[in-house]
Amino acid sequence: SLGSQGLDKHQAAELYHIYTVAHHNSHDGLMHAKHFNSLLRLKSSTFSELMFSRFALTIPDRLLLIEFICALWNFLSFHVHMMAPYMFFLCDKENTGK
């Protein structure tokens, strides 16, 4: 559960608010890559699309609320020295360690 990861109700509410604001123009109520990139001020690139696709588990090009919260919370809760291994894990599509 998110609570076991250290996320309290206030933080969950803040992430929900960010999610609703970031995808308010979406016709299907889900967060698309362009909304996610805009929220994080990322330029659309092959890398940003790959990262987004690793978070979008249910629907390939859209994030559900729970996927958004988990992705953002994981990213924000890591220490700086853990970011490289985290990014490597996300990009290692075949789980080969290469």
Protein backbone atom coordinates (compact mmCIF):
# COMPACT_ATOMS: atom_id res chain seq x y z
CA SER A 1 0.00 0.00 0.00
CA LEU A 2 1.04 3.60 -0.40
CA GLY A 3 0.87 4.03 3.37
CA SER A 4 3.52 1.39 3.83
CA GLN A 5 5.75 3.44 1.52
CA GLY A 6 5.48 6.47 3.81
CA LEU A 7 2.80 8.34 1.86
CA ASP A 8 0.27 9.98 4.15
CA LYS A 9 -3.27 11.13 3.25
CA HIS A 10 -2.22 14.75 2.75
CA GLN A 11 0.57 13.77 0.35
CA ALA A 12 -1.77 11.46 -1.56
CA ALA A 13 -4.30 14.30 -1.84
CA GLU A 14 -1.60 16.65 -3.17
CA LEU A 15 -0.53 14.08 -5.79
CA TYR A 16 -4.19 13.60 -6.79
CA HIS A 17 -4.53 17.37 -7.21
CA ILE A 18 -1.38 17.49 -9.38
CA TYR A 19 -2.73 14.60 -11.47
CA THR A 20 -6.10 16.27 -12.07
CA VAL A 21 -4.53 19.63 -12.96
CA ALA A 22 -1.93 18.07 -15.26
CA HIS A 23 -4.43 16.15 -17.38
CA HIS A 24 -7.44 18.49 -17.26
CA ASN A 25 -7.55 18.77 -21.08
CA SER A 26 -7.49 15.01 -21.62
CA HIS A 27 -10.60 13.66 -23.33
CA ASP A 28 -10.39 10.29 -21.55
CA GLY A 29 -9.50 11.47 -18.03
CA LEU A 30 -6.09 9.80 -18.10
CA MET A 31 -2.61 11.30 -18.16
CA HIS A 32 -0.86 11.15 -21.53
CA ALA A 33 2.89 11.48 -22.07
CA LYS A 34 2.59 15.12 -23.19
CA HIS A 35 0.86 16.04 -19.90
CA PHE A 36 3.46 14.14 -17.86
CA ASN A 37 6.35 15.78 -19.74
CA SER A 38 4.77 19.20 -19.34
CA LEU A 39 4.25 18.66 -15.61
CA LEU A 40 7.91 17.71 -15.10
CA ARG A 41 9.13 20.28 -17.68
CA LEU A 42 10.68 17.56 -19.83
CA LYS A 43 11.28 17.84 -23.55
CA SER A 44 9.67 15.02 -25.48
CA SER A 45 12.38 12.60 -26.55
CA THR A 46 12.93 8.91 -27.11
CA PHE A 47 14.18 8.67 -23.53
CA SER A 48 11.20 10.51 -22.01
CA GLU A 49 8.81 8.32 -24.02
CA LEU A 50 10.63 5.19 -22.80
CA MET A 51 10.43 6.35 -19.18
CA PHE A 52 6.72 7.11 -19.53
CA SER A 53 6.05 3.72 -21.09
CA ARG A 54 7.72 1.99 -18.14
CA PHE A 55 5.26 3.70 -15.77
CA ALA A 56 2.14 3.08 -17.90
CA LEU A 57 1.47 -0.55 -17.07
CA THR A 58 -2.28 -0.86 -17.67
CA ILE A 59 -2.79 1.22 -20.83
CA PRO A 60 0.38 1.60 -22.93
CA ASP A 61 0.30 5.35 -23.59
CA ARG A 62 -1.67 6.62 -20.58
CA LEU A 63 -1.20 6.73 -16.82
CA LEU A 64 -3.88 5.79 -14.36
CA LEU A 65 -3.91 7.75 -11.11
CA ILE A 66 -2.25 4.94 -9.12
CA GLU A 67 0.50 4.55 -11.75
CA PHE A 68 1.12 8.29 -11.67
CA ILE A 69 1.32 8.38 -7.87
CA CYS A 70 3.67 5.39 -7.71
CA ALA A 71 5.93 6.71 -10.47
CA LEU A 72 6.21 10.19 -9.02
CA TRP A 73 6.51 9.00 -5.41
CA ASN A 74 9.26 6.52 -6.32
CA PHE A 75 11.14 9.20 -8.22
CA LEU A 76 10.81 11.83 -5.48
CA SER A 77 11.60 9.53 -2.57
CA PHE A 78 14.92 8.19 -3.88
CA HIS A 79 18.19 9.60 -2.62
CA VAL A 80 20.37 11.21 -5.29
CA HIS A 81 22.88 8.34 -5.23
CA MET A 82 20.07 5.86 -6.02
CA MET A 83 18.82 7.66 -9.15
CA ALA A 84 21.26 5.97 -11.57
CA PRO A 85 20.37 2.42 -10.46
CA TYR A 86 16.66 3.35 -10.54
CA MET A 87 16.92 4.68 -14.09
CA PHE A 88 18.93 1.61 -15.15
CA PHE A 89 16.25 -0.68 -13.71
CA LEU A 90 13.54 1.18 -15.63
CA CYS A 91 15.47 1.02 -18.91
CA ASP A 92 16.54 -2.63 -18.65
CA LYS A 93 13.55 -3.92 -20.67
CA GLU A 94 14.67 -7.55 -20.90
CA ASN A 95 15.93 -7.77 -17.27
CA THR A 96 19.35 -8.76 -18.56
CA GLY A 97 21.36 -6.40 -16.38
CA LYS A 98 22.99 -4.94 -19.49
